[in-house]
Amino acid sequence: MSHTFTTRGDTIKGARIIGIARKISKPVLIPQSGRHKAQKIVLRDNAVCRIIKEREYVE
């Protein structure tokens, strides 16, 4: 049974996540640890995300 998170601040984690929305922002580089970098995007208007591959190691 799946649960839908709809409250502000809810977080999902996965190895691969699919996002669907009417509007998507341009990717922005954000710093991670050391030289590693990541990208951040914002999904707007009817945004839905789903985990399609779970993380192998969960903290």
PDB file of N, CA and C in Angstrom:
ATOM      1  N   MET A   1       0.840  -1.170   0.000  1.00  0.00           N
ATOM      2  CA  MET A   1       0.000   0.000   0.000  1.00  0.00           C
ATOM      3  C   MET A   1       0.894   1.246   0.000  1.00  0.00           C
ATOM      4  N   SER A   2       0.657   2.155  -0.888  1.00  0.00           N
ATOM      5  CA  SER A   2       1.479   3.356  -0.973  1.00  0.00           C
ATOM      6  C   SER A   2       0.822   4.503  -0.221  1.00  0.00           C
ATOM      7  N   HIS A   3       1.658   5.400   0.265  1.00  0.00           N
ATOM      8  CA  HIS A   3       1.194   6.572   1.004  1.00  0.00           C
ATOM      9  C   HIS A   3       1.582   7.805   0.208  1.00  0.00           C
ATOM     10  N   THR A   4       0.692   8.759   0.088  1.00  0.00           N
ATOM     11  CA  THR A   4       0.970   9.998  -0.623  1.00  0.00           C
ATOM     12  C   THR A   4       1.338  11.078   0.379  1.00  0.00           C
ATOM     13  N   PHE A   5       2.535  11.664   0.215  1.00  0.00           N
ATOM     14  CA  PHE A   5       2.996  12.731   1.081  1.00  0.00           C
ATOM     15  C   PHE A   5       2.576  14.059   0.457  1.00  0.00           C
ATOM     16  N   THR A   6       1.789  14.842   1.166  1.00  0.00           N
ATOM     17  CA  THR A   6       1.290  16.105   0.614  1.00  0.00           C
ATOM     18  C   THR A   6       1.556  17.300   1.530  1.00  0.00           C
ATOM     19  N   THR A   7       2.245  17.085   2.643  1.00  0.00           N
ATOM     20  CA  THR A   7       2.517  18.169   3.583  1.00  0.00           C
ATOM     21  C   THR A   7       3.829  18.854   3.232  1.00  0.00           C
ATOM     22  N   ARG A   8       3.886  20.166   3.404  1.00  0.00           N
ATOM     23  CA  ARG A   8       5.106  20.918   3.131  1.00  0.00           C
ATOM     24  C   ARG A   8       6.254  20.392   3.984  1.00  0.00           C
ATOM     25  N   GLY A   9       7.401  20.140   3.361  1.00  0.00           N
ATOM     26  CA  GLY A   9       8.568  19.650   4.081  1.00  0.00           C
ATOM     27  C   GLY A   9       8.729  18.141   4.028  1.00  0.00           C
ATOM     28  N   ASP A  10       7.766  17.409   3.490  1.00  0.00           N
ATOM     29  CA  ASP A  10       7.902  15.959   3.356  1.00  0.00           C
ATOM     30  C   ASP A  10       9.047  15.646   2.390  1.00  0.00           C
ATOM     31  N   THR A  11       9.785  14.586   2.662  1.00  0.00           N
ATOM     32  CA  THR A  11      10.951  14.219   1.863  1.00  0.00           C
ATOM     33  C   THR A  11      10.823  12.785   1.381  1.00  0.00           C
ATOM     34  N   ILE A  12      11.263  12.541   0.135  1.00  0.00           N
ATOM     35  CA  ILE A  12      11.368  11.177  -0.372  1.00  0.00           C
ATOM     36  C   ILE A  12      12.812  10.954  -0.797  1.00  0.00           C
ATOM     37  N   LYS A  13      13.321   9.726  -0.623  1.00  0.00           N
ATOM     38  CA  LYS A  13      14.687   9.392  -1.010  1.00  0.00           C
ATOM     39  C   LYS A  13      14.649   8.123  -1.835  1.00  0.00           C
ATOM     40  N   GLY A  14      15.439   8.100  -2.889  1.00  0.00           N
ATOM     41  CA  GLY A  14      15.521   6.917  -3.726  1.00  0.00           C
ATOM     42  C   GLY A  14      16.727   7.001  -4.643  1.00  0.00           C
ATOM     43  N   ALA A  15      17.100   5.884  -5.256  1.00  0.00           N
ATOM     44  CA  ALA A  15      18.208   5.865  -6.208  1.00  0.00           C
ATOM     45  C   ALA A  15      17.775   6.498  -7.528  1.00  0.00           C
ATOM     46  N   ARG A  16      16.513   6.353  -7.871  1.00  0.00           N
ATOM     47  CA  ARG A  16      15.976   6.943  -9.099  1.00  0.00           C
ATOM     48  C   ARG A  16      14.551   7.404  -8.818  1.00  0.00           C
ATOM     49  N   ILE A  17      14.280   8.682  -9.097  1.00  0.00           N
ATOM     50  CA  ILE A  17      12.965   9.265  -8.839  1.00  0.00           C
ATOM     51  C   ILE A  17      12.473   9.930 -10.115  1.00  0.00           C
ATOM     52  N   ILE A  18      11.228   9.675 -10.450  1.00  0.00           N
ATOM     53  CA  ILE A  18      10.615  10.286 -11.639  1.00  0.00           C
ATOM     54  C   ILE A  18       9.743  11.430 -11.159  1.00  0.00           C
ATOM     55  N   GLY A  19       9.786  12.558 -11.861  1.00  0.00           N
ATOM     56  CA  GLY A  19       8.960  13.706 -11.512  1.00  0.00           C
ATOM     57  C   GLY A  19       8.157  14.163 -12.719  1.00  0.00           C
ATOM     58  N   ILE A  20       6.902  14.463 -12.500  1.00  0.00           N
ATOM     59  CA  ILE A  20       6.016  14.921 -13.570  1.00  0.00           C
ATOM     60  C   ILE A  20       5.382  16.227 -13.118  1.00  0.00           C
ATOM     61  N   ALA A  21       5.440  17.248 -13.985  1.00  0.00           N
ATOM     62  CA  ALA A  21       4.856  18.543 -13.652  1.00  0.00           C
ATOM     63  C   ALA A  21       4.594  19.321 -14.932  1.00  0.00           C
ATOM     64  N   ARG A  22       3.759  20.336 -14.820  1.00  0.00           N
ATOM     65  CA  ARG A  22       3.488  21.193 -15.980  1.00  0.00           C
ATOM     66  C   ARG A  22       4.648  22.130 -16.258  1.00  0.00           C
ATOM     67  N   LYS A  23       5.305  22.626 -15.189  1.00  0.00           N
ATOM     68  CA  LYS A  23       6.437  23.536 -15.345  1.00  0.00           C
ATOM     69  C   LYS A  23       7.623  23.018 -14.548  1.00  0.00           C
ATOM     70  N   ILE A  24       8.815  23.067 -15.167  1.00  0.00           N
ATOM     71  CA  ILE A  24      10.042  22.603 -14.528  1.00  0.00           C
ATOM     72  C   ILE A  24      11.082  23.711 -14.651  1.00  0.00           C
ATOM     73  N   SER A  25      11.751  24.025 -13.543  1.00  0.00           N
ATOM     74  CA  SER A  25      12.781  25.070 -13.570  1.00  0.00           C
ATOM     75  C   SER A  25      14.047  24.553 -14.248  1.00  0.00           C
ATOM     76  N   LYS A  26      14.941  25.476 -14.561  1.00  0.00           N
ATOM     77  CA  LYS A  26      16.241  25.088 -15.112  1.00  0.00           C
ATOM     78  C   LYS A  26      17.070  24.451 -13.997  1.00  0.00           C
ATOM     79  N   PRO A  27      17.916  23.465 -14.323  1.00  0.00           N
ATOM     80  CA  PRO A  27      18.771  22.855 -13.296  1.00  0.00           C
ATOM     81  C   PRO A  27      19.753  23.869 -12.713  1.00  0.00           C
ATOM     82  N   VAL A  28      19.937  23.822 -11.400  1.00  0.00           N
ATOM     83  CA  VAL A  28      20.871  24.695 -10.689  1.00  0.00           C
ATOM     84  C   VAL A  28      21.882  23.809  -9.979  1.00  0.00           C
ATOM     85  N   LEU A  29      23.183  24.100 -10.137  1.00  0.00           N
ATOM     86  CA  LEU A  29      24.223  23.338  -9.448  1.00  0.00           C
ATOM     87  C   LEU A  29      24.264  23.738  -7.980  1.00  0.00           C
ATOM     88  N   ILE A  30      24.305  22.727  -7.097  1.00  0.00           N
ATOM     89  CA  ILE A  30      24.430  22.988  -5.667  1.00  0.00           C
ATOM     90  C   ILE A  30      25.610  22.178  -5.140  1.00  0.00           C
ATOM     91  N   PRO A  31      26.337  22.697  -4.162  1.00  0.00           N
ATOM     92  CA  PRO A  31      27.493  21.972  -3.634  1.00  0.00           C
ATOM     93  C   PRO A  31      27.059  20.806  -2.753  1.00  0.00           C
ATOM     94  N   GLN A  32      27.808  19.730  -2.834  1.00  0.00           N
ATOM     95  CA  GLN A  32      27.631  18.594  -1.928  1.00  0.00           C
ATOM     96  C   GLN A  32      28.896  18.518  -1.094  1.00  0.00           C
ATOM     97  N   SER A  33      29.448  17.357  -0.872  1.00  0.00           N
ATOM     98  CA  SER A  33      30.663  17.243  -0.074  1.00  0.00           C
ATOM     99  C   SER A  33      31.896  17.320  -0.972  1.00  0.00           C
ATOM    100  N   GLY A  34      32.873  18.102  -0.553  1.00  0.00           N
ATOM    101  CA  GLY A  34      34.121  18.221  -1.308  1.00  0.00           C
ATOM    102  C   GLY A  34      33.902  18.766  -2.704  1.00  0.00           C
ATOM    103  N   ARG A  35      34.405  18.049  -3.717  1.00  0.00           N
ATOM    104  CA  ARG A  35      34.260  18.479  -5.100  1.00  0.00           C
ATOM    105  C   ARG A  35      32.964  17.980  -5.727  1.00  0.00           C
ATOM    106  N   HIS A  36      32.215  17.164  -5.018  1.00  0.00           N
ATOM    107  CA  HIS A  36      30.988  16.609  -5.572  1.00  0.00           C
ATOM    108  C   HIS A  36      29.912  17.689  -5.684  1.00  0.00           C
ATOM    109  N   LYS A  37      29.190  17.648  -6.760  1.00  0.00           N
ATOM    110  CA  LYS A  37      28.119  18.609  -6.985  1.00  0.00           C
ATOM    111  C   LYS A  37      26.825  17.852  -7.294  1.00  0.00           C
ATOM    112  N   ALA A  38      25.722  18.516  -7.115  1.00  0.00           N
ATOM    113  CA  ALA A  38      24.419  17.941  -7.428  1.00  0.00           C
ATOM    114  C   ALA A  38      23.612  18.995  -8.176  1.00  0.00           C
ATOM    115  N   GLN A  39      22.485  18.594  -8.710  1.00  0.00           N
ATOM    116  CA  GLN A  39      21.602  19.517  -9.401  1.00  0.00           C
ATOM    117  C   GLN A  39      20.260  19.572  -8.688  1.00  0.00           C
ATOM    118  N   LYS A  40      19.653  20.745  -8.708  1.00  0.00           N
ATOM    119  CA  LYS A  40      18.343  20.936  -8.079  1.00  0.00           C
ATOM    120  C   LYS A  40      17.403  21.520  -9.124  1.00  0.00           C
ATOM    121  N   ILE A  41      16.174  20.991  -9.172  1.00  0.00           N
ATOM    122  CA  ILE A  41      15.132  21.558 -10.020  1.00  0.00           C
ATOM    123  C   ILE A  41      13.873  21.720  -9.182  1.00  0.00           C
ATOM    124  N   VAL A  42      12.999  22.602  -9.621  1.00  0.00           N
ATOM    125  CA  VAL A  42      11.726  22.827  -8.940  1.00  0.00           C
ATOM    126  C   VAL A  42      10.613  22.432  -9.906  1.00  0.00           C
ATOM    127  N   LEU A  43       9.712  21.569  -9.441  1.00  0.00           N
ATOM    128  CA  LEU A  43       8.544  21.166 -10.216  1.00  0.00           C
ATOM    129  C   LEU A  43       7.361  21.992  -9.745  1.00  0.00           C
ATOM    130  N   ARG A  44       6.601  22.572 -10.684  1.00  0.00           N
ATOM    131  CA  ARG A  44       5.461  23.420 -10.321  1.00  0.00           C
ATOM    132  C   ARG A  44       4.187  22.953 -11.021  1.00  0.00           C
ATOM    133  N   ASP A  45       3.065  23.314 -10.444  1.00  0.00           N
ATOM    134  CA  ASP A  45       1.743  23.077 -11.025  1.00  0.00           C
ATOM    135  C   ASP A  45       1.467  21.587 -11.240  1.00  0.00           C
ATOM    136  N   ASN A  46       0.771  21.000 -10.314  1.00  0.00           N
ATOM    137  CA  ASN A  46       0.379  19.591 -10.402  1.00  0.00           C
ATOM    138  C   ASN A  46       1.580  18.652 -10.407  1.00  0.00           C
ATOM    139  N   ALA A  47       2.553  18.899  -9.554  1.00  0.00           N
ATOM    140  CA  ALA A  47       3.778  18.097  -9.517  1.00  0.00           C
ATOM    141  C   ALA A  47       3.553  16.794  -8.767  1.00  0.00           C
ATOM    142  N   VAL A  48       4.089  15.707  -9.337  1.00  0.00           N
ATOM    143  CA  VAL A  48       4.015  14.382  -8.732  1.00  0.00           C
ATOM    144  C   VAL A  48       5.370  13.712  -8.902  1.00  0.00           C
ATOM    145  N   CYS A  49       5.881  13.074  -7.838  1.00  0.00           N
ATOM    146  CA  CYS A  49       7.138  12.330  -7.908  1.00  0.00           C
ATOM    147  C   CYS A  49       6.900  10.905  -7.427  1.00  0.00           C
ATOM    148  N   ARG A  50       7.634   9.978  -8.022  1.00  0.00           N
ATOM    149  CA  ARG A  50       7.507   8.573  -7.647  1.00  0.00           C
ATOM    150  C   ARG A  50       8.888   7.938  -7.662  1.00  0.00           C
ATOM    151  N   ILE A  51       9.191   7.137  -6.651  1.00  0.00           N
ATOM    152  CA  ILE A  51      10.455   6.400  -6.595  1.00  0.00           C
ATOM    153  C   ILE A  51      10.328   5.184  -7.499  1.00  0.00           C
ATOM    154  N   ILE A  52      11.260   5.056  -8.464  1.00  0.00           N
ATOM    155  CA  ILE A  52      11.211   3.890  -9.348  1.00  0.00           C
ATOM    156  C   ILE A  52      12.338   2.905  -9.051  1.00  0.00           C
ATOM    157  N   LYS A  53      13.331   3.337  -8.235  1.00  0.00           N
ATOM    158  CA  LYS A  53      14.379   2.420  -7.793  1.00  0.00           C
ATOM    159  C   LYS A  53      14.779   2.820  -6.384  1.00  0.00           C
ATOM    160  N   GLU A  54      14.660   1.887  -5.445  1.00  0.00           N
ATOM    161  CA  GLU A  54      14.977   2.169  -4.051  1.00  0.00           C
ATOM    162  C   GLU A  54      16.483   2.242  -3.847  1.00  0.00           C
ATOM    163  N   ARG A  55      16.870   2.976  -2.806  1.00  0.00           N
ATOM    164  CA  ARG A  55      18.283   3.037  -2.440  1.00  0.00           C
ATOM    165  C   ARG A  55      18.716   1.706  -1.880  1.00  0.00           C
ATOM    166  N   GLU A  56      19.961   1.314  -2.169  1.00  0.00           N
ATOM    167  CA  GLU A  56      20.474   0.049  -1.652  1.00  0.00           C
ATOM    168  C   GLU A  56      20.853   0.173  -0.184  1.00  0.00           C
ATOM    169  N   TYR A  57      21.416   1.338   0.175  1.00  0.00           N
ATOM    170  CA  TYR A  57      21.830   1.585   1.539  1.00  0.00           C
ATOM    171  C   TYR A  57      20.964   2.693   2.119  1.00  0.00           C
ATOM    172  N   VAL A  58      20.225   2.410   3.156  1.00  0.00           N
ATOM    173  CA  VAL A  58      19.349   3.407   3.766  1.00  0.00           C
ATOM    174  C   VAL A  58      19.935   3.770   5.121  1.00  0.00           C
ATOM    175  N   GLU A  59      20.147   5.077   5.351  1.00  0.00           N
ATOM    176  CA  GLU A  59      20.723   5.536   6.621  1.00  0.00           C
ATOM    177  C   GLU A  59      19.737   5.484   7.736  1.00  0.00           C
TER     178      GLU A  59
END
